[in-house]
Amino acid sequence: MSEALVIAATPRSKMGKNYARVLRRAGKVPGVLCRGGMSTPIELSSELISKVYKAGRKCQISLNGTTENVYVQEIQVDHVTRAFG
């Protein structure tokens, strides 16, 4: 049995289209973690997102020192460049 993929995420304080562009230029992907009726904006590494995309939708996310099982509901892919974001 394969082990679950663990993704390291950091919470992000800034929002908006311009900051999302800054993140993508830095090799990161903006995301949202939804749990218990609350949403937490996060940023992830694009390399880890590609591993999740290829491996399946179930993984673990490490955020603020805690690790939780998550199910990736949606990953947006640019139809021209095939980049995540």
C-alpha atoms as a PDB file:
ATOM      1  CA  MET A   1       0.000   0.000   0.000  1.00  0.00           C
ATOM      2  CA  SER A   2       1.397   3.415  -0.909  1.00  0.00           C
ATOM      3  CA  GLU A   3       1.769   6.131   1.668  1.00  0.00           C
ATOM      4  CA  ALA A   4      -0.232   9.317   1.412  1.00  0.00           C
ATOM      5  CA  LEU A   5       1.465  12.280  -0.188  1.00  0.00           C
ATOM      6  CA  VAL A   6       2.147  15.075   2.329  1.00  0.00           C
ATOM      7  CA  ILE A   7       1.949  18.658   1.053  1.00  0.00           C
ATOM      8  CA  ALA A   8       3.487  21.529   3.008  1.00  0.00           C
ATOM      9  CA  ALA A   9       1.308  24.637   2.883  1.00  0.00           C
ATOM     10  CA  THR A  10       1.623  28.091   4.393  1.00  0.00           C
ATOM     11  CA  PRO A  11      -1.259  30.439   5.147  1.00  0.00           C
ATOM     12  CA  ARG A  12      -1.352  33.591   3.040  1.00  0.00           C
ATOM     13  CA  SER A  13      -2.425  36.959   4.335  1.00  0.00           C
ATOM     14  CA  LYS A  14      -2.728  38.831   1.045  1.00  0.00           C
ATOM     15  CA  MET A  15      -5.494  38.253  -1.492  1.00  0.00           C
ATOM     16  CA  GLY A  16      -6.305  39.334  -5.000  1.00  0.00           C
ATOM     17  CA  LYS A  17      -5.272  38.852  -8.590  1.00  0.00           C
ATOM     18  CA  ASN A  18      -2.002  40.776  -8.338  1.00  0.00           C
ATOM     19  CA  TYR A  19      -0.747  38.776  -5.352  1.00  0.00           C
ATOM     20  CA  ALA A  20      -1.756  35.527  -7.087  1.00  0.00           C
ATOM     21  CA  ARG A  21       0.431  36.560 -10.035  1.00  0.00           C
ATOM     22  CA  VAL A  22       3.332  37.265  -7.660  1.00  0.00           C
ATOM     23  CA  LEU A  23       2.911  33.794  -6.141  1.00  0.00           C
ATOM     24  CA  ARG A  24       2.857  32.100  -9.549  1.00  0.00           C
ATOM     25  CA  ARG A  25       6.029  33.906 -10.625  1.00  0.00           C
ATOM     26  CA  ALA A  26       7.685  32.618  -7.436  1.00  0.00           C
ATOM     27  CA  GLY A  27       6.732  29.014  -8.330  1.00  0.00           C
ATOM     28  CA  LYS A  28       3.845  28.755  -5.897  1.00  0.00           C
ATOM     29  CA  VAL A  29       0.127  28.197  -6.357  1.00  0.00           C
ATOM     30  CA  PRO A  30      -2.634  29.975  -4.401  1.00  0.00           C
ATOM     31  CA  GLY A  31      -5.268  27.724  -2.882  1.00  0.00           C
ATOM     32  CA  VAL A  32      -8.128  27.553  -0.408  1.00  0.00           C
ATOM     33  CA  LEU A  33      -8.546  24.960   2.342  1.00  0.00           C
ATOM     34  CA  CYS A  34     -12.231  24.498   3.247  1.00  0.00           C
ATOM     35  CA  ARG A  35     -13.144  22.759   6.480  1.00  0.00           C
ATOM     36  CA  GLY A  36     -16.035  23.003   8.888  1.00  0.00           C
ATOM     37  CA  GLY A  37     -17.734  25.850   7.054  1.00  0.00           C
ATOM     38  CA  MET A  38     -14.588  27.983   7.181  1.00  0.00           C
ATOM     39  CA  SER A  39     -12.071  28.676   4.429  1.00  0.00           C
ATOM     40  CA  THR A  40      -8.351  29.326   4.873  1.00  0.00           C
ATOM     41  CA  PRO A  41      -6.323  30.854   2.032  1.00  0.00           C
ATOM     42  CA  ILE A  42      -3.035  28.987   1.549  1.00  0.00           C
ATOM     43  CA  GLU A  43      -0.068  28.854  -0.818  1.00  0.00           C
ATOM     44  CA  LEU A  44       1.496  25.644  -2.102  1.00  0.00           C
ATOM     45  CA  SER A  45       4.503  24.595  -4.160  1.00  0.00           C
ATOM     46  CA  SER A  46       3.652  23.962  -7.820  1.00  0.00           C
ATOM     47  CA  GLU A  47       5.852  20.823  -7.865  1.00  0.00           C
ATOM     48  CA  LEU A  48       3.783  19.263  -5.085  1.00  0.00           C
ATOM     49  CA  ILE A  49       0.551  20.161  -6.871  1.00  0.00           C
ATOM     50  CA  SER A  50       1.741  18.329  -9.981  1.00  0.00           C
ATOM     51  CA  LYS A  51       2.417  15.215  -7.851  1.00  0.00           C
ATOM     52  CA  VAL A  52      -1.117  15.378  -6.423  1.00  0.00           C
ATOM     53  CA  TYR A  53      -2.527  15.871  -9.912  1.00  0.00           C
ATOM     54  CA  LYS A  54      -0.761  12.732 -11.163  1.00  0.00           C
ATOM     55  CA  ALA A  55      -1.249  10.559  -8.060  1.00  0.00           C
ATOM     56  CA  GLY A  56      -4.927  11.174  -7.339  1.00  0.00           C
ATOM     57  CA  ARG A  57      -7.055  13.436  -5.200  1.00  0.00           C
ATOM     58  CA  LYS A  58      -6.396  12.154  -1.681  1.00  0.00           C
ATOM     59  CA  CYS A  59      -3.379  13.486   0.198  1.00  0.00           C
ATOM     60  CA  GLN A  60      -2.338  15.028   3.511  1.00  0.00           C
ATOM     61  CA  ILE A  61      -1.686  18.715   4.075  1.00  0.00           C
ATOM     62  CA  SER A  62       0.675  20.118   6.689  1.00  0.00           C
ATOM     63  CA  LEU A  63      -0.409  23.570   7.856  1.00  0.00           C
ATOM     64  CA  ASN A  64       0.819  25.371  10.993  1.00  0.00           C
ATOM     65  CA  GLY A  65       2.368  22.205  12.434  1.00  0.00           C
ATOM     66  CA  THR A  66      -0.717  20.011  12.043  1.00  0.00           C
ATOM     67  CA  THR A  67      -1.295  17.382   9.373  1.00  0.00           C
ATOM     68  CA  GLU A  68      -4.770  16.583   8.054  1.00  0.00           C
ATOM     69  CA  ASN A  69      -6.182  14.251   5.430  1.00  0.00           C
ATOM     70  CA  VAL A  70      -7.694  16.210   2.539  1.00  0.00           C
ATOM     71  CA  TYR A  71      -9.518  15.538  -0.702  1.00  0.00           C
ATOM     72  CA  VAL A  72      -8.587  17.848  -3.576  1.00  0.00           C
ATOM     73  CA  GLN A  73     -11.845  18.982  -5.105  1.00  0.00           C
ATOM     74  CA  GLU A  74     -10.538  21.035  -8.023  1.00  0.00           C
ATOM     75  CA  ILE A  75      -7.225  21.866  -9.701  1.00  0.00           C
ATOM     76  CA  GLN A  76      -7.267  24.550 -12.372  1.00  0.00           C
ATOM     77  CA  VAL A  77      -4.902  24.026 -15.306  1.00  0.00           C
ATOM     78  CA  ASP A  78      -4.091  26.645 -17.956  1.00  0.00           C
ATOM     79  CA  HIS A  79      -5.200  25.144 -21.253  1.00  0.00           C
ATOM     80  CA  VAL A  80      -2.329  26.714 -23.239  1.00  0.00           C
ATOM     81  CA  THR A  81       0.719  26.460 -20.943  1.00  0.00           C
ATOM     82  CA  ARG A  82      -0.554  23.469 -18.888  1.00  0.00           C
ATOM     83  CA  ALA A  83       0.544  25.322 -15.744  1.00  0.00           C
ATOM     84  CA  PHE A  84      -1.345  24.964 -12.476  1.00  0.00           C
ATOM     85  CA  GLY A  85      -2.977  27.932 -10.919  1.00  0.00           C
END
